[in-house]
Amino acid sequence: MLLIEQVCEKNNVISDYVRCPICGKGRLCDKPVVEKARTISTVAVQTMETSNKIILKCPKCSNKFFIQFTKE
């Protein structure tokens, strides 16, 4: 299950954003500054059988990406 929670301004979450790895212009999502984001190859994504993924679409180039949550 994916839990979606609204970020309230009173929480003062310091964040930055993840750019599209293909076009470099699209803003895929925001993330807390302390979290790391990494791009992996398409082949590696297809071999990973997990249910902790969501799909994001770049608003600029329309490429789709899996966002996978890991403990690393």
PDB file of N, CA and C in Angstrom:
ATOM      1  N   MET A   1       0.845  -1.171   0.000  1.00  0.00           N
ATOM      2  CA  MET A   1       0.000   0.000   0.000  1.00  0.00           C
ATOM      3  C   MET A   1       0.890   1.234   0.000  1.00  0.00           C
ATOM      4  N   LEU A   2       0.479   2.231  -0.713  1.00  0.00           N
ATOM      5  CA  LEU A   2       1.164   3.509  -0.761  1.00  0.00           C
ATOM      6  C   LEU A   2       0.359   4.500   0.062  1.00  0.00           C
ATOM      7  N   LEU A   3       0.978   5.053   1.068  1.00  0.00           N
ATOM      8  CA  LEU A   3       0.312   6.031   1.928  1.00  0.00           C
ATOM      9  C   LEU A   3       0.679   7.424   1.452  1.00  0.00           C
ATOM     10  N   ILE A   4      -0.303   8.240   1.160  1.00  0.00           N
ATOM     11  CA  ILE A   4      -0.078   9.603   0.688  1.00  0.00           C
ATOM     12  C   ILE A   4      -0.537  10.559   1.772  1.00  0.00           C
ATOM     13  N   GLU A   5       0.370  11.421   2.196  1.00  0.00           N
ATOM     14  CA  GLU A   5       0.091  12.355   3.282  1.00  0.00           C
ATOM     15  C   GLU A   5       0.405  13.771   2.826  1.00  0.00           C
ATOM     16  N   GLN A   6      -0.464  14.703   3.110  1.00  0.00           N
ATOM     17  CA  GLN A   6      -0.243  16.088   2.747  1.00  0.00           C
ATOM     18  C   GLN A   6       0.875  16.670   3.601  1.00  0.00           C
ATOM     19  N   VAL A   7       1.773  17.420   2.971  1.00  0.00           N
ATOM     20  CA  VAL A   7       2.832  18.105   3.706  1.00  0.00           C
ATOM     21  C   VAL A   7       2.298  19.453   4.135  1.00  0.00           C
ATOM     22  N   CYS A   8       2.207  19.652   5.417  1.00  0.00           N
ATOM     23  CA  CYS A   8       1.721  20.924   5.951  1.00  0.00           C
ATOM     24  C   CYS A   8       2.891  21.892   6.069  1.00  0.00           C
ATOM     25  N   GLU A   9       2.640  23.131   5.814  1.00  0.00           N
ATOM     26  CA  GLU A   9       3.687  24.144   5.902  1.00  0.00           C
ATOM     27  C   GLU A   9       4.286  24.241   7.297  1.00  0.00           C
ATOM     28  N   LYS A  10       3.518  23.909   8.321  1.00  0.00           N
ATOM     29  CA  LYS A  10       4.031  24.000   9.686  1.00  0.00           C
ATOM     30  C   LYS A  10       5.102  22.951   9.979  1.00  0.00           C
ATOM     31  N   ASN A  11       5.206  21.910   9.123  1.00  0.00           N
ATOM     32  CA  ASN A  11       6.222  20.876   9.323  1.00  0.00           C
ATOM     33  C   ASN A  11       7.620  21.344   8.929  1.00  0.00           C
ATOM     34  N   ASN A  12       7.709  22.407   8.161  1.00  0.00           N
ATOM     35  CA  ASN A  12       8.989  22.965   7.719  1.00  0.00           C
ATOM     36  C   ASN A  12       9.912  21.916   7.103  1.00  0.00           C
ATOM     37  N   VAL A  13       9.390  21.144   6.173  1.00  0.00           N
ATOM     38  CA  VAL A  13      10.186  20.137   5.482  1.00  0.00           C
ATOM     39  C   VAL A  13      11.060  20.834   4.446  1.00  0.00           C
ATOM     40  N   ILE A  14      12.368  20.714   4.602  1.00  0.00           N
ATOM     41  CA  ILE A  14      13.290  21.294   3.631  1.00  0.00           C
ATOM     42  C   ILE A  14      13.436  20.288   2.496  1.00  0.00           C
ATOM     43  N   SER A  15      13.127  20.726   1.279  1.00  0.00           N
ATOM     44  CA  SER A  15      13.123  19.787   0.162  1.00  0.00           C
ATOM     45  C   SER A  15      13.808  20.367  -1.066  1.00  0.00           C
ATOM     46  N   ASP A  16      14.168  19.461  -1.952  1.00  0.00           N
ATOM     47  CA  ASP A  16      14.626  19.826  -3.286  1.00  0.00           C
ATOM     48  C   ASP A  16      13.860  18.926  -4.258  1.00  0.00           C
ATOM     49  N   TYR A  17      14.243  18.893  -5.523  1.00  0.00           N
ATOM     50  CA  TYR A  17      13.447  18.125  -6.467  1.00  0.00           C
ATOM     51  C   TYR A  17      14.307  17.218  -7.327  1.00  0.00           C
ATOM     52  N   VAL A  18      13.652  16.251  -7.957  1.00  0.00           N
ATOM     53  CA  VAL A  18      14.300  15.286  -8.840  1.00  0.00           C
ATOM     54  C   VAL A  18      13.952  15.675 -10.265  1.00  0.00           C
ATOM     55  N   ARG A  19      14.980  15.887 -11.079  1.00  0.00           N
ATOM     56  CA  ARG A  19      14.766  16.215 -12.500  1.00  0.00           C
ATOM     57  C   ARG A  19      14.660  14.943 -13.329  1.00  0.00           C
ATOM     58  N   CYS A  20      14.026  15.062 -14.475  1.00  0.00           N
ATOM     59  CA  CYS A  20      13.920  13.957 -15.417  1.00  0.00           C
ATOM     60  C   CYS A  20      15.319  13.580 -15.903  1.00  0.00           C
ATOM     61  N   PRO A  21      15.709  12.309 -15.802  1.00  0.00           N
ATOM     62  CA  PRO A  21      17.046  11.914 -16.256  1.00  0.00           C
ATOM     63  C   PRO A  21      17.190  11.889 -17.780  1.00  0.00           C
ATOM     64  N   ILE A  22      16.088  11.959 -18.515  1.00  0.00           N
ATOM     65  CA  ILE A  22      16.146  11.931 -19.980  1.00  0.00           C
ATOM     66  C   ILE A  22      16.292  13.340 -20.555  1.00  0.00           C
ATOM     67  N   CYS A  23      15.347  14.226 -20.237  1.00  0.00           N
ATOM     68  CA  CYS A  23      15.382  15.567 -20.832  1.00  0.00           C
ATOM     69  C   CYS A  23      16.077  16.581 -19.924  1.00  0.00           C
ATOM     70  N   GLY A  24      16.151  16.303 -18.636  1.00  0.00           N
ATOM     71  CA  GLY A  24      16.810  17.213 -17.705  1.00  0.00           C
ATOM     72  C   GLY A  24      16.022  18.471 -17.387  1.00  0.00           C
ATOM     73  N   LYS A  25      14.841  18.618 -17.958  1.00  0.00           N
ATOM     74  CA  LYS A  25      14.036  19.826 -17.757  1.00  0.00           C
ATOM     75  C   LYS A  25      12.825  19.595 -16.874  1.00  0.00           C
ATOM     76  N   GLY A  26      12.233  18.408 -16.979  1.00  0.00           N
ATOM     77  CA  GLY A  26      11.021  18.108 -16.230  1.00  0.00           C
ATOM     78  C   GLY A  26      11.304  17.873 -14.757  1.00  0.00           C
ATOM     79  N   ARG A  27      10.399  18.325 -13.932  1.00  0.00           N
ATOM     80  CA  ARG A  27      10.496  18.133 -12.481  1.00  0.00           C
ATOM     81  C   ARG A  27       9.593  16.954 -12.118  1.00  0.00           C
ATOM     82  N   LEU A  28      10.214  15.800 -11.819  1.00  0.00           N
ATOM     83  CA  LEU A  28       9.435  14.588 -11.558  1.00  0.00           C
ATOM     84  C   LEU A  28       8.731  14.617 -10.212  1.00  0.00           C
ATOM     85  N   CYS A  29       9.457  15.031  -9.171  1.00  0.00           N
ATOM     86  CA  CYS A  29       8.873  15.047  -7.839  1.00  0.00           C
ATOM     87  C   CYS A  29       9.791  15.821  -6.900  1.00  0.00           C
ATOM     88  N   ASP A  30       9.278  16.140  -5.733  1.00  0.00           N
ATOM     89  CA  ASP A  30      10.082  16.749  -4.675  1.00  0.00           C
ATOM     90  C   ASP A  30      10.456  15.662  -3.690  1.00  0.00           C
ATOM     91  N   LYS A  31      11.559  15.877  -2.972  1.00  0.00           N
ATOM     92  CA  LYS A  31      11.999  14.930  -1.957  1.00  0.00           C
ATOM     93  C   LYS A  31      12.649  15.692  -0.816  1.00  0.00           C
ATOM     94  N   PRO A  32      12.610  15.151   0.392  1.00  0.00           N
ATOM     95  CA  PRO A  32      13.331  15.803   1.484  1.00  0.00           C
ATOM     96  C   PRO A  32      14.830  15.859   1.166  1.00  0.00           C
ATOM     97  N   VAL A  33      15.506  16.904   1.576  1.00  0.00           N
ATOM     98  CA  VAL A  33      16.920  17.096   1.255  1.00  0.00           C
ATOM     99  C   VAL A  33      17.770  15.923   1.740  1.00  0.00           C
ATOM    100  N   VAL A  34      17.422  15.321   2.856  1.00  0.00           N
ATOM    101  CA  VAL A  34      18.233  14.241   3.413  1.00  0.00           C
ATOM    102  C   VAL A  34      18.095  12.921   2.652  1.00  0.00           C
ATOM    103  N   GLU A  35      17.084  12.785   1.792  1.00  0.00           N
ATOM    104  CA  GLU A  35      16.890  11.558   1.018  1.00  0.00           C
ATOM    105  C   GLU A  35      17.709  11.608  -0.261  1.00  0.00           C
ATOM    106  N   LYS A  36      18.153  10.442  -0.728  1.00  0.00           N
ATOM    107  CA  LYS A  36      18.929  10.337  -1.955  1.00  0.00           C
ATOM    108  C   LYS A  36      18.058   9.754  -3.061  1.00  0.00           C
ATOM    109  N   ALA A  37      18.296  10.189  -4.296  1.00  0.00           N
ATOM    110  CA  ALA A  37      17.604   9.641  -5.462  1.00  0.00           C
ATOM    111  C   ALA A  37      18.673   9.203  -6.454  1.00  0.00           C
ATOM    112  N   ARG A  38      18.447   8.050  -7.092  1.00  0.00           N
ATOM    113  CA  ARG A  38      19.422   7.522  -8.033  1.00  0.00           C
ATOM    114  C   ARG A  38      18.685   6.974  -9.248  1.00  0.00           C
ATOM    115  N   THR A  39      19.253   7.163 -10.435  1.00  0.00           N
ATOM    116  CA  THR A  39      18.685   6.627 -11.664  1.00  0.00           C
ATOM    117  C   THR A  39      19.368   5.304 -11.970  1.00  0.00           C
ATOM    118  N   ILE A  40      18.554   4.280 -12.278  1.00  0.00           N
ATOM    119  CA  ILE A  40      19.114   2.994 -12.677  1.00  0.00           C
ATOM    120  C   ILE A  40      18.600   2.627 -14.051  1.00  0.00           C
ATOM    121  N   SER A  41      19.260   1.663 -14.704  1.00  0.00           N
ATOM    122  CA  SER A  41      18.906   1.309 -16.071  1.00  0.00           C
ATOM    123  C   SER A  41      17.548   0.612 -16.129  1.00  0.00           C
ATOM    124  N   THR A  42      16.944   0.636 -17.303  1.00  0.00           N
ATOM    125  CA  THR A  42      15.643   0.015 -17.515  1.00  0.00           C
ATOM    126  C   THR A  42      15.704  -1.485 -17.288  1.00  0.00           C
ATOM    127  N   VAL A  43      16.767  -2.126 -17.708  1.00  0.00           N
ATOM    128  CA  VAL A  43      16.913  -3.573 -17.542  1.00  0.00           C
ATOM    129  C   VAL A  43      16.900  -3.946 -16.064  1.00  0.00           C
ATOM    130  N   ALA A  44      17.587  -3.179 -15.228  1.00  0.00           N
ATOM    131  CA  ALA A  44      17.621  -3.471 -13.802  1.00  0.00           C
ATOM    132  C   ALA A  44      16.243  -3.331 -13.176  1.00  0.00           C
ATOM    133  N   VAL A  45      15.473  -2.355 -13.611  1.00  0.00           N
ATOM    134  CA  VAL A  45      14.138  -2.150 -13.061  1.00  0.00           C
ATOM    135  C   VAL A  45      13.232  -3.328 -13.397  1.00  0.00           C
ATOM    136  N   GLN A  46      13.341  -3.870 -14.613  1.00  0.00           N
ATOM    137  CA  GLN A  46      12.485  -4.972 -15.027  1.00  0.00           C
ATOM    138  C   GLN A  46      12.776  -6.248 -14.245  1.00  0.00           C
ATOM    139  N   THR A  47      13.998  -6.455 -13.778  1.00  0.00           N
ATOM    140  CA  THR A  47      14.326  -7.672 -13.062  1.00  0.00           C
ATOM    141  C   THR A  47      13.947  -7.610 -11.596  1.00  0.00           C
ATOM    142  N   MET A  48      13.689  -6.443 -11.050  1.00  0.00           N
ATOM    143  CA  MET A  48      13.335  -6.314  -9.647  1.00  0.00           C
ATOM    144  C   MET A  48      11.840  -6.567  -9.474  1.00  0.00           C
ATOM    145  N   GLU A  49      11.504  -7.590  -8.720  1.00  0.00           N
ATOM    146  CA  GLU A  49      10.105  -7.932  -8.482  1.00  0.00           C
ATOM    147  C   GLU A  49       9.693  -7.413  -7.109  1.00  0.00           C
ATOM    148  N   THR A  50       9.254  -6.181  -7.055  1.00  0.00           N
ATOM    149  CA  THR A  50       8.793  -5.608  -5.800  1.00  0.00           C
ATOM    150  C   THR A  50       7.469  -4.913  -6.033  1.00  0.00           C
ATOM    151  N   SER A  51       6.756  -4.681  -4.965  1.00  0.00           N
ATOM    152  CA  SER A  51       5.474  -4.002  -5.089  1.00  0.00           C
ATOM    153  C   SER A  51       5.540  -2.580  -4.559  1.00  0.00           C
ATOM    154  N   ASN A  52       6.736  -2.102  -4.234  1.00  0.00           N
ATOM    155  CA  ASN A  52       6.861  -0.768  -3.656  1.00  0.00           C
ATOM    156  C   ASN A  52       7.302   0.244  -4.707  1.00  0.00           C
ATOM    157  N   LYS A  53       6.565   0.304  -5.806  1.00  0.00           N
ATOM    158  CA  LYS A  53       6.878   1.239  -6.891  1.00  0.00           C
ATOM    159  C   LYS A  53       5.661   2.095  -7.207  1.00  0.00           C
ATOM    160  N   ILE A  54       5.937   3.292  -7.667  1.00  0.00           N
ATOM    161  CA  ILE A  54       4.898   4.130  -8.254  1.00  0.00           C
ATOM    162  C   ILE A  54       5.432   4.625  -9.591  1.00  0.00           C
ATOM    163  N   ILE A  55       4.567   5.064 -10.463  1.00  0.00           N
ATOM    164  CA  ILE A  55       4.968   5.528 -11.790  1.00  0.00           C
ATOM    165  C   ILE A  55       4.778   7.035 -11.872  1.00  0.00           C
ATOM    166  N   LEU A  56       5.819   7.723 -12.325  1.00  0.00           N
ATOM    167  CA  LEU A  56       5.743   9.156 -12.567  1.00  0.00           C
ATOM    168  C   LEU A  56       5.982   9.414 -14.044  1.00  0.00           C
ATOM    169  N   LYS A  57       5.339  10.440 -14.560  1.00  0.00           N
ATOM    170  CA  LYS A  57       5.496  10.807 -15.964  1.00  0.00           C
ATOM    171  C   LYS A  57       6.078  12.217 -16.026  1.00  0.00           C
ATOM    172  N   CYS A  58       7.152  12.390 -16.797  1.00  0.00           N
ATOM    173  CA  CYS A  58       7.775  13.703 -16.938  1.00  0.00           C
ATOM    174  C   CYS A  58       6.810  14.649 -17.643  1.00  0.00           C
ATOM    175  N   PRO A  59       6.547  15.823 -17.076  1.00  0.00           N
ATOM    176  CA  PRO A  59       5.618  16.761 -17.705  1.00  0.00           C
ATOM    177  C   PRO A  59       6.183  17.407 -18.971  1.00  0.00           C
ATOM    178  N   LYS A  60       7.487  17.320 -19.179  1.00  0.00           N
ATOM    179  CA  LYS A  60       8.102  17.938 -20.364  1.00  0.00           C
ATOM    180  C   LYS A  60       8.237  16.970 -21.532  1.00  0.00           C
ATOM    181  N   CYS A  61       8.794  15.758 -21.278  1.00  0.00           N
ATOM    182  CA  CYS A  61       9.082  14.832 -22.379  1.00  0.00           C
ATOM    183  C   CYS A  61       8.163  13.608 -22.405  1.00  0.00           C
ATOM    184  N   SER A  62       7.312  13.442 -21.405  1.00  0.00           N
ATOM    185  CA  SER A  62       6.325  12.359 -21.301  1.00  0.00           C
ATOM    186  C   SER A  62       6.920  10.971 -21.081  1.00  0.00           C
ATOM    187  N   ASN A  63       8.209  10.858 -20.780  1.00  0.00           N
ATOM    188  CA  ASN A  63       8.780   9.567 -20.413  1.00  0.00           C
ATOM    189  C   ASN A  63       8.242   9.162 -19.051  1.00  0.00           C
ATOM    190  N   LYS A  64       8.085   7.852 -18.848  1.00  0.00           N
ATOM    191  CA  LYS A  64       7.567   7.337 -17.582  1.00  0.00           C
ATOM    192  C   LYS A  64       8.697   6.679 -16.796  1.00  0.00           C
ATOM    193  N   PHE A  65       8.617   6.790 -15.482  1.00  0.00           N
ATOM    194  CA  PHE A  65       9.649   6.264 -14.603  1.00  0.00           C
ATOM    195  C   PHE A  65       9.017   5.583 -13.408  1.00  0.00           C
ATOM    196  N   PHE A  66       9.645   4.495 -12.961  1.00  0.00           N
ATOM    197  CA  PHE A  66       9.275   3.879 -11.693  1.00  0.00           C
ATOM    198  C   PHE A  66      10.009   4.605 -10.586  1.00  0.00           C
ATOM    199  N   ILE A  67       9.330   4.900  -9.529  1.00  0.00           N
ATOM    200  CA  ILE A  67       9.954   5.350  -8.289  1.00  0.00           C
ATOM    201  C   ILE A  67       9.859   4.164  -7.354  1.00  0.00           C
ATOM    202  N   GLN A  68      11.001   3.678  -6.898  1.00  0.00           N
ATOM    203  CA  GLN A  68      11.020   2.510  -6.025  1.00  0.00           C
ATOM    204  C   GLN A  68      11.617   2.901  -4.683  1.00  0.00           C
ATOM    205  N   PHE A  69      10.982   2.483  -3.617  1.00  0.00           N
ATOM    206  CA  PHE A  69      11.444   2.809  -2.275  1.00  0.00           C
ATOM    207  C   PHE A  69      12.336   1.685  -1.767  1.00  0.00           C
ATOM    208  N   THR A  70      13.551   2.043  -1.353  1.00  0.00           N
ATOM    209  CA  THR A  70      14.501   1.048  -0.839  1.00  0.00           C
ATOM    210  C   THR A  70      15.002   1.492   0.516  1.00  0.00           C
ATOM    211  N   LYS A  71      15.719   0.616   1.180  1.00  0.00           N
ATOM    212  CA  LYS A  71      16.280   0.926   2.493  1.00  0.00           C
ATOM    213  C   LYS A  71      17.680   1.525   2.379  1.00  0.00           C
ATOM    214  N   GLU A  72      18.203   1.661   1.177  1.00  0.00           N
ATOM    215  CA  GLU A  72      19.553   2.199   0.974  1.00  0.00           C
ATOM    216  C   GLU A  72      19.562   3.691   0.922  1.00  0.00           C
TER     217      GLU A  72
END
